[in-house]
Protein backbone atom coordinates (compact mmCIF):
# COMPACT_ATOMS: atom_id res chain seq x y z
CA MET A 1 -24.96 -5.12 -67.55
CA SER A 2 -25.72 -4.85 -63.82
CA ARG A 3 -23.72 -1.61 -63.61
CA HIS A 4 -25.74 -0.17 -66.49
CA LEU A 5 -29.02 -1.13 -64.81
CA SER A 6 -27.79 0.37 -61.54
CA SER A 7 -26.98 3.65 -63.31
CA GLN A 8 -30.40 3.71 -64.94
CA THR A 9 -32.02 3.05 -61.55
CA SER A 10 -30.05 5.92 -59.96
CA ALA A 11 -30.98 8.27 -62.78
CA PHE A 12 -34.64 7.37 -62.40
CA ARG A 13 -34.44 7.86 -58.63
CA PHE A 14 -32.92 11.35 -58.94
CA ARG A 15 -35.40 12.27 -61.68
CA ARG A 16 -38.29 11.22 -59.46
CA ALA A 17 -36.79 13.11 -56.50
CA ALA A 18 -36.62 16.32 -58.55
CA ASP A 19 -40.19 15.82 -59.75
CA PHE A 20 -41.35 15.32 -56.16
CA THR A 21 -39.62 18.46 -54.89
CA ALA A 22 -41.14 20.42 -57.79
CA LEU A 23 -44.56 19.08 -56.81
CA ARG A 24 -44.17 20.16 -53.17
CA LEU A 25 -42.85 23.59 -54.12
CA GLY A 26 -45.61 24.17 -56.66
CA ARG A 27 -48.33 23.16 -54.21
CA ALA A 28 -46.93 25.53 -51.56
CA VAL A 29 -46.89 28.48 -53.96
CA LEU A 30 -50.31 27.54 -55.38
CA GLY A 31 -51.74 27.37 -51.88
CA TYR A 32 -50.34 30.80 -51.11
CA LEU A 33 -51.77 32.32 -54.29
CA ALA A 34 -55.14 30.67 -53.70
CA LEU A 35 -55.24 32.04 -50.15
CA MET A 36 -54.38 35.55 -51.36
CA ILE A 37 -57.01 35.48 -54.10
CA GLY A 38 -59.61 34.08 -51.73
CA ILE A 39 -59.06 36.76 -49.11
CA ILE A 40 -58.92 39.52 -51.73
CA THR A 41 -62.23 38.49 -53.30
CA LEU A 42 -64.09 37.76 -50.05
CA ALA A 43 -63.00 40.64 -47.78
CA PRO A 44 -64.38 42.04 -45.48
CA PHE A 45 -65.83 38.57 -44.77
CA ARG A 46 -69.45 39.49 -44.07
CA PHE A 47 -71.68 36.50 -44.86
CA GLN A 48 -75.24 35.41 -44.23
CA LEU A 49 -76.89 31.98 -44.11
CA THR A 50 -79.05 32.49 -47.20
CA PRO A 51 -78.01 33.77 -50.66
CA ALA A 52 -77.80 37.55 -50.64
CA HIS A 53 -78.45 37.89 -54.37
CA GLY A 54 -78.49 35.96 -57.62
CA LEU A 55 -76.15 35.84 -60.58
CA THR A 56 -75.14 39.09 -62.23
CA ASP A 57 -74.37 39.63 -65.89
CA ILE A 58 -72.74 43.04 -65.42
CA TRP A 59 -69.14 43.25 -66.59
CA ASN A 60 -66.67 45.64 -68.15
CA TRP A 61 -63.31 45.45 -69.87
CA THR A 62 -61.46 46.23 -66.66
CA ASP A 63 -63.05 43.19 -65.00
CA LEU A 64 -62.03 41.02 -67.94
CA VAL A 65 -58.38 42.11 -67.84
CA MET A 66 -58.10 41.84 -64.05
CA ASN A 67 -59.81 38.43 -63.90
CA VAL A 68 -57.51 36.96 -66.52
CA LEU A 69 -54.27 38.47 -65.21
CA MET A 70 -54.84 37.52 -61.58
CA PHE A 71 -55.28 33.85 -62.51
CA VAL A 72 -52.32 33.62 -64.90
CA PRO A 73 -49.95 32.75 -61.98
CA PHE A 74 -52.14 29.75 -61.07
CA GLY A 75 -51.68 28.04 -64.41
CA TYR A 76 -48.04 29.10 -64.60
CA VAL A 77 -47.11 27.78 -61.16
CA TYR A 78 -49.21 24.64 -61.62
CA GLN A 79 -46.95 23.68 -64.50
CA LEU A 80 -44.04 23.83 -62.01
CA THR A 81 -45.62 20.83 -60.26
CA ARG A 82 -45.42 18.78 -63.45
CA PRO A 83 -42.39 16.59 -64.28
CA ARG A 84 -39.73 18.54 -66.12
CA GLY A 85 -40.44 18.62 -69.86
CA ALA A 86 -44.02 17.39 -69.50
CA PRO A 87 -46.53 19.15 -71.77
CA PRO A 88 -49.30 21.23 -70.18
CA ASP A 89 -52.11 19.13 -68.75
CA TRP A 90 -54.91 21.31 -70.12
CA PRO A 91 -57.86 19.44 -68.54
CA ARG A 92 -56.35 19.67 -65.05
CA VAL A 93 -55.33 23.30 -65.51
CA VAL A 94 -58.87 24.19 -66.55
CA VAL A 95 -60.36 22.18 -63.69
CA LEU A 96 -57.98 23.83 -61.20
CA GLY A 97 -58.83 27.35 -62.37
CA ALA A 98 -62.55 26.57 -62.47
CA ALA A 99 -62.49 24.94 -59.03
CA ILE A 100 -60.75 27.85 -57.32
CA SER A 101 -62.85 30.47 -59.09
CA GLY A 102 -66.06 28.46 -58.62
CA THR A 103 -65.48 28.16 -54.88
CA ILE A 104 -64.97 31.90 -54.61
CA GLU A 105 -68.05 32.68 -56.71
CA LEU A 106 -70.15 30.28 -54.63
CA LEU A 107 -69.09 31.94 -51.38
CA GLN A 108 -69.81 35.35 -52.85
CA LEU A 109 -73.48 34.34 -53.19
CA PHE A 110 -73.73 34.64 -49.41
CA SER A 111 -71.92 37.98 -49.14
CA PRO A 112 -74.06 41.15 -49.36
CA THR A 113 -71.04 43.16 -50.53
CA ARG A 114 -70.03 40.77 -53.34
CA TYR A 115 -71.63 39.55 -56.57
CA THR A 116 -71.45 36.17 -58.27
CA SER A 117 -70.83 36.09 -62.00
CA LEU A 118 -70.36 33.30 -64.55
CA PHE A 119 -68.30 35.82 -66.51
CA ASP A 120 -65.78 35.91 -63.64
CA LEU A 121 -65.68 32.11 -63.59
CA ALA A 122 -64.97 31.93 -67.33
CA THR A 123 -62.31 34.65 -67.37
CA ASN A 124 -60.54 33.29 -64.28
CA THR A 125 -60.39 29.84 -65.87
CA ALA A 126 -59.07 31.35 -69.11
CA GLY A 127 -56.35 33.12 -67.11
CA ALA A 128 -55.19 29.83 -65.57
CA ALA A 129 -55.03 28.20 -69.01
CA LEU A 130 -53.08 31.18 -70.36
CA GLY A 131 -50.57 30.85 -67.52
CA ALA A 132 -49.93 27.18 -68.33
CA TRP A 133 -49.43 28.05 -72.00
CA LEU A 134 -46.94 30.78 -71.13
CA PHE A 135 -44.97 28.40 -68.94
CA ALA A 136 -44.79 25.86 -71.76
CA ARG A 137 -43.48 28.55 -74.12
CA VAL A 138 -40.81 29.71 -71.64
CA ALA A 139 -39.73 26.14 -70.85
CA THR A 140 -39.30 25.41 -74.55
CA ARG A 141 -37.18 28.52 -75.06
CA VAL A 142 -34.72 27.91 -72.22
CA ARG A 143 -34.56 24.13 -72.11
CA ASP A 144 -31.03 22.86 -71.57
CA GLU A 145 -29.29 19.95 -69.86
CA ASP A 146 -27.97 22.38 -67.25
CA ALA A 147 -31.25 22.43 -65.36
CA VAL A 148 -30.40 24.95 -62.66
CA GLN A 149 -28.39 27.49 -64.63
CA SER A 150 -30.57 27.56 -67.74
CA PHE A 151 -33.98 27.26 -66.14
CA ALA A 152 -33.89 30.45 -64.07
CA LEU A 153 -37.46 30.11 -62.83
CA GLU A 154 -36.33 27.26 -60.57
CA LEU A 155 -33.78 29.38 -58.70
CA PRO A 156 -34.47 30.34 -55.05
CA LEU A 157 -33.87 34.00 -55.86
CA MET A 158 -36.75 33.90 -58.35
CA GLY A 159 -39.12 32.75 -55.62
CA LEU A 160 -39.21 36.35 -54.42
CA VAL A 161 -40.45 37.46 -57.85
CA TYR A 162 -43.46 35.16 -57.46
CA LEU A 163 -44.21 36.44 -53.94
CA LEU A 164 -44.01 40.08 -55.00
CA ILE A 165 -46.95 39.64 -57.40
CA PRO A 166 -49.81 39.35 -54.84
CA LEU A 167 -48.10 42.03 -52.76
CA CYS A 168 -48.51 44.47 -55.66
CA TRP A 169 -52.19 43.51 -55.95
CA LEU A 170 -52.76 44.27 -52.29
CA VAL A 171 -51.03 47.65 -52.50
CA GLY A 172 -53.52 48.69 -55.18
CA LEU A 173 -56.54 47.28 -53.36
CA GLY A 174 -55.60 48.88 -50.04
CA SER A 175 -54.89 52.30 -51.50
CA GLU A 176 -57.96 54.51 -51.37
CA GLY A 177 -56.00 57.55 -52.55
CA GLU A 178 -53.82 57.63 -55.63
CA LEU A 179 -50.65 58.58 -53.75
CA ARG A 180 -50.35 55.35 -51.76
CA ARG A 181 -50.43 53.28 -54.94
CA TRP A 182 -46.97 54.60 -55.74
CA LEU A 183 -45.67 52.22 -53.08
CA VAL A 184 -45.62 49.61 -55.84
CA LEU A 185 -42.53 51.33 -57.25
CA PRO A 186 -39.98 50.00 -54.71
CA ILE A 187 -41.56 46.55 -55.13
CA ALA A 188 -41.15 46.85 -58.90
CA ALA A 189 -37.54 47.93 -58.45
CA VAL A 190 -36.80 44.84 -56.34
CA ALA A 191 -38.37 42.56 -58.95
CA GLY A 192 -36.43 44.23 -61.75
CA GLY A 193 -33.16 43.87 -59.88
CA ILE A 194 -33.70 40.16 -59.29
CA ILE A 195 -34.75 39.44 -62.88
CA GLY A 196 -31.76 41.33 -64.28
CA THR A 197 -29.31 39.51 -62.01
CA VAL A 198 -30.76 36.11 -62.86
CA HIS A 199 -30.61 36.86 -66.57
CA ALA A 200 -26.90 37.68 -66.56
CA ALA A 201 -25.73 35.18 -63.93
CA TYR A 202 -27.66 32.02 -64.68
CA MET A 203 -29.03 32.00 -68.22
CA THR A 204 -26.78 29.99 -70.52
CA PRO A 205 -24.94 32.53 -72.75
CA ARG A 206 -24.76 30.28 -75.81
CA ARG A 207 -28.52 29.83 -75.84
CA ILE A 208 -29.62 33.34 -74.93
CA ASN A 209 -27.18 35.83 -76.39
CA ASN A 210 -29.38 38.93 -76.31
CA ARG A 211 -31.80 40.67 -73.97
CA VAL A 212 -35.04 39.55 -75.62
CA TRP A 213 -35.68 37.04 -72.82
CA LEU A 214 -35.03 39.69 -70.18
CA ILE A 215 -37.42 42.19 -71.76
CA GLY A 216 -40.07 39.51 -72.23
CA VAL A 217 -39.96 38.39 -68.59
CA VAL A 218 -40.09 41.98 -67.34
CA ILE A 219 -43.11 42.74 -69.53
CA GLY A 220 -44.83 39.59 -68.30
CA TRP A 221 -44.19 40.46 -64.66
CA VAL A 222 -45.39 44.04 -65.17
CA LEU A 223 -48.62 42.86 -66.79
CA VAL A 224 -49.43 40.32 -64.08
CA ALA A 225 -48.27 42.34 -61.05
CA LEU A 226 -48.48 46.04 -61.85
CA VAL A 227 -51.63 46.22 -63.98
CA PRO A 228 -53.80 44.97 -61.06
CA GLY A 229 -51.54 46.73 -58.54
CA THR A 230 -51.92 50.17 -60.13
CA ARG A 231 -55.71 49.77 -60.55
CA GLY A 232 -55.60 51.20 -64.07
CA ASP A 233 -53.50 54.24 -63.20
CA LEU A 234 -51.72 54.67 -66.56
CA PRO A 235 -48.99 57.13 -65.41
CA LEU A 236 -48.14 54.88 -62.47
CA MET A 237 -48.21 51.80 -64.68
CA ALA A 238 -45.84 53.45 -67.15
CA ALA A 239 -43.52 54.59 -64.34
CA GLY A 240 -43.50 51.13 -62.76
CA GLY A 241 -42.87 49.36 -66.05
CA THR A 242 -40.07 51.74 -67.00
CA LEU A 243 -38.46 51.41 -63.56
CA THR A 244 -38.65 47.61 -63.60
CA LEU A 245 -37.15 47.33 -67.07
CA GLY A 246 -34.49 49.97 -66.43
CA ILE A 247 -33.24 48.38 -63.22
CA ALA A 248 -33.38 44.92 -64.81
CA LEU A 249 -31.18 46.09 -67.68
CA LEU A 250 -28.73 47.84 -65.36
CA ARG A 251 -28.44 44.81 -63.08
CA SER A 252 -28.02 42.53 -66.08
CA ILE A 253 -25.16 44.66 -67.43
CA ALA A 254 -23.46 44.98 -64.03
CA THR A 255 -23.80 41.27 -63.24
CA GLY A 256 -22.60 40.31 -66.71
CA ARG A 257 -19.47 42.37 -66.24
CA ALA A 258 -18.88 40.78 -62.83
CA VAL A 259 -19.18 37.31 -64.36
CA ALA A 260 -16.74 38.23 -67.14
CA ARG A 261 -14.30 39.67 -64.61
CA ASP A 262 -14.51 37.15 -61.75
CA GLY A 263 -16.03 34.07 -63.35
CA ALA A 264 -19.08 32.13 -62.18
CA GLN A 265 -20.16 32.92 -58.62
CA ARG A 266 -23.19 33.02 -56.35
CA PHE A 267 -25.16 36.25 -56.67
CA GLU A 268 -28.09 35.61 -54.30
CA LEU A 269 -26.80 37.32 -51.16
CA PRO A 270 -25.08 40.28 -52.89
CA THR A 271 -28.29 40.94 -54.83
CA LEU A 272 -30.42 40.79 -51.70
CA ARG A 273 -28.07 43.12 -49.83
CA LEU A 274 -28.34 45.60 -52.68
CA LEU A 275 -32.14 45.43 -52.96
CA LEU A 276 -33.07 44.98 -49.31
CA PRO A 277 -33.04 48.75 -48.52
CA LEU A 278 -35.73 49.28 -51.20
CA PHE A 279 -37.93 46.63 -49.65
CA ALA A 280 -37.29 48.06 -46.16
CA ILE A 281 -38.40 51.51 -47.37
CA TYR A 282 -41.60 50.01 -48.78
CA LEU A 283 -42.26 48.04 -45.59
CA ALA A 284 -41.81 51.06 -43.32
CA LEU A 285 -43.93 53.41 -45.45
CA SER A 286 -46.75 50.92 -46.03
CA SER A 287 -46.91 50.05 -42.32
CA LEU A 288 -47.37 53.68 -41.21
CA TRP A 289 -49.27 55.16 -44.15
CA PRO A 290 -50.42 57.89 -44.07
CA ILE A 291 -47.56 59.34 -42.06
CA THR A 292 -49.66 62.44 -41.28
CA GLU A 293 -51.90 60.29 -39.05
CA VAL A 294 -49.04 59.39 -36.71
CA GLY A 295 -49.42 61.19 -33.38
CA ALA A 296 -48.11 61.09 -29.83
CA ASP A 297 -50.74 58.83 -28.22
CA TRP A 298 -49.77 55.16 -28.25
CA GLN A 299 -52.57 52.59 -28.34
CA TRP A 300 -52.76 48.83 -28.62
CA THR A 301 -55.42 46.22 -29.22
CA LEU A 302 -55.90 42.48 -29.41
CA ALA A 303 -57.86 42.84 -32.66
CA LEU A 304 -56.76 44.18 -36.04
CA THR A 305 -58.05 47.69 -35.36
CA PRO A 306 -58.45 49.82 -32.22
CA PRO A 307 -61.86 50.08 -30.52
CA GLY A 308 -64.19 52.38 -32.42
CA VAL A 309 -62.43 51.91 -35.79
CA GLU A 310 -64.55 49.87 -38.20
CA LEU A 311 -62.76 47.07 -40.02
CA SER A 312 -63.48 48.37 -43.51
CA GLN A 313 -62.46 46.70 -46.75
CA PRO A 314 -59.43 48.98 -47.33
CA LEU A 315 -58.19 48.32 -43.78
CA VAL A 316 -58.57 44.57 -44.33
CA TYR A 317 -56.52 44.84 -47.51
CA ARG A 318 -53.83 46.87 -45.77
CA ALA A 319 -53.64 44.37 -42.91
CA LEU A 320 -53.40 41.53 -45.42
CA GLU A 321 -50.73 43.46 -47.33
CA HIS A 322 -48.72 43.80 -44.11
CA VAL A 323 -49.02 40.06 -43.47
CA ALA A 324 -48.11 39.20 -47.08
CA ALA A 325 -45.02 41.41 -46.82
CA PHE A 326 -43.83 39.24 -43.94
CA THR A 327 -44.05 36.18 -46.14
CA LEU A 328 -41.22 37.83 -48.07
CA VAL A 329 -39.46 38.80 -44.83
CA GLY A 330 -39.48 35.12 -43.84
CA TYR A 331 -38.26 34.03 -47.26
CA ILE A 332 -35.44 36.60 -47.28
CA SER A 333 -34.46 35.73 -43.70
CA ALA A 334 -34.21 32.06 -44.67
CA GLU A 335 -31.98 33.04 -47.61
CA PHE A 336 -29.64 34.88 -45.24
CA TYR A 337 -29.74 32.69 -42.14
CA GLY A 338 -31.16 29.31 -43.11
CA ARG A 339 -29.52 28.39 -46.40
CA ASP A 340 -26.85 26.22 -44.74
CA ALA A 341 -29.10 24.71 -42.06
CA ARG A 342 -29.59 20.97 -42.28
CA SER A 343 -33.27 21.16 -41.39
CA PHE A 344 -36.04 23.73 -41.30
CA THR A 345 -36.69 23.22 -37.57
CA SER A 346 -33.06 23.85 -36.63
CA SER A 347 -33.04 27.26 -38.31
CA LEU A 348 -36.55 28.28 -37.24
CA PRO A 349 -35.72 29.83 -33.82
CA ARG A 350 -33.14 32.15 -35.35
CA LEU A 351 -35.44 33.07 -38.21
CA LEU A 352 -38.32 33.83 -35.86
CA ALA A 353 -36.09 35.96 -33.66
CA TRP A 354 -35.25 38.12 -36.67
CA THR A 355 -38.77 38.36 -38.14
CA ALA A 356 -40.34 38.94 -34.71
CA SER A 357 -37.93 41.81 -34.06
CA VAL A 358 -38.85 43.50 -37.35
CA SER A 359 -42.57 43.03 -36.75
CA PHE A 360 -42.31 44.25 -33.14
CA LEU A 361 -40.60 47.49 -34.18
CA LEU A 362 -43.21 48.14 -36.87
CA GLN A 363 -46.01 47.40 -34.41
CA LEU A 364 -44.58 49.95 -31.98
CA GLY A 365 -44.75 52.54 -34.75
CA ARG A 366 -48.28 51.50 -35.73
CA GLY A 367 -49.31 52.08 -32.12
CA LEU A 368 -48.91 55.81 -32.72
CA HIS A 369 -51.17 55.71 -35.78
CA HIS A 370 -54.73 56.92 -35.26
CA ASP A 371 -56.42 54.18 -37.35
CA MET A 372 -54.15 51.27 -36.53
CA GLY A 373 -52.66 50.82 -33.10
CA THR A 374 -50.33 48.05 -32.05
CA SER A 375 -52.20 44.84 -32.85
CA LEU A 376 -51.41 41.54 -31.16
CA ALA A 377 -53.47 39.68 -33.78
CA LEU A 378 -51.52 41.27 -36.62
CA PHE A 379 -48.22 40.48 -34.91
CA VAL A 380 -49.17 36.81 -34.66
CA LEU A 381 -50.30 36.73 -38.29
CA THR A 382 -47.02 38.26 -39.47
CA GLN A 383 -45.08 35.52 -37.70
CA LEU A 384 -47.23 32.79 -39.22
CA ALA A 385 -46.64 34.37 -42.63
CA ALA A 386 -42.89 34.54 -41.98
CA VAL A 387 -42.83 30.84 -41.08
CA TYR A 388 -44.67 30.02 -44.29
CA GLY A 389 -42.27 32.15 -46.32
CA SER A 390 -39.28 30.44 -44.68
CA TRP A 391 -40.81 27.04 -45.42
CA MET A 392 -41.30 27.97 -49.09
CA TYR A 393 -37.61 28.88 -49.28
CA VAL A 394 -36.68 25.50 -47.80
CA LEU A 395 -38.82 23.76 -50.43
CA GLN A 396 -37.19 25.87 -53.15
CA ARG A 397 -33.72 25.00 -51.86
CA ALA A 398 -34.58 21.28 -51.72
CA HIS A 399 -35.79 21.41 -55.30
CA VAL A 400 -32.57 23.04 -56.50
CA GLN A 401 -30.51 20.44 -54.63
CA ALA A 402 -32.46 17.65 -56.31
CA LEU A 403 -31.90 19.26 -59.70
CA VAL A 404 -28.16 19.60 -59.03
CA GLU A 405 -27.91 15.93 -58.06
CA ARG A 406 -29.81 14.87 -61.16
CA ARG A 407 -27.63 17.08 -63.37
CA ALA A 408 -24.42 15.63 -61.90
CA LEU A 409 -25.63 12.05 -62.37
CA LEU A 410 -26.67 12.67 -65.96
CA ARG A 411 -23.24 14.06 -66.73
CA GLN A 412 -21.61 10.98 -65.23
CA LEU A 413 -23.82 8.72 -67.30
CA THR A 414 -22.96 10.72 -70.42
CA LEU A 415 -19.22 10.38 -69.77
CA ARG A 416 -19.53 6.64 -69.14
CA GLY A 417 -21.58 6.22 -72.28
């Protein structure tokens, strides 16, 4: 009897540990998304002490679609903070979406370049609720006792797919000309490669024996990431969606064959090595765009822009995009160099040495750009973003470890029973 109670106590302890790690991970990702949305909707941060205007009732269908899609990740990720198997907490999801959107709308009252709208508040809140509903549907489809292998959205590799979403938004917002928007394509290719690998390597074959799940996830990612990121550019949207799905299918086929040939194995690092050149190409091009503005005179500044260059809204978005990209650099660096470290602090010096080197080289190149210049402020911000990205990876890894421990204990209890 005492042994049975001890087993139940251990199972409860591991279940609570996994729920706690999910809560920490979800809050970290939610905080990141909230920060991105806040900066996107409040840039270029010009405020006054009194309201600049009243409420507006002007809206269009583009606003409706963008408002809903950009808040879908909030509700989706919020459900990650809930205990595994728990139904959506609709009141809290609605309150969360309304609180974030309401805070933004309130601040926009004091910005001469922004407008406050109850329509935005309603559609943002609806987007958060839609995200929670989608999560519940996905969780129901892939539920299995093998928590890590069947629930692919809890894998560290999938964390990059989440972080790529706001990066796509910022590419679209920071692109005044149509040509720069095409930088979303390498980002889409990276996302497709990860989703395809995860589908073939970690989804339980007996439960998902076709590619319907893969196509559904790709379509969902394209809608949430590329529709805002392309700013309604239909040819670019079609190209990005086709590229994402095509690469996802190819990676799924190749990974499936590798599993059949070599058996179960870890695919995180091989996948990153394959996709990292695409991300490096994006990072280099976005940092120096447009290349035609690169000259021979090197300049530097403590601020975000050189003296005489106004910090316009597009430049703010491009600076934020550069910082957001280093959140992924930090996350990827932790995957390569910090996965076996016992603590976050022990791996941090090595991670910072790598991310600082990448940022320093890009800053040297930006110093030759007429509208940019080497920026000490931007360098510091990239390192802060890299630390945050590394920390999110550590939280993701801790959550997976807790799930593995819970899975092993449940199997032991099943065998004893």
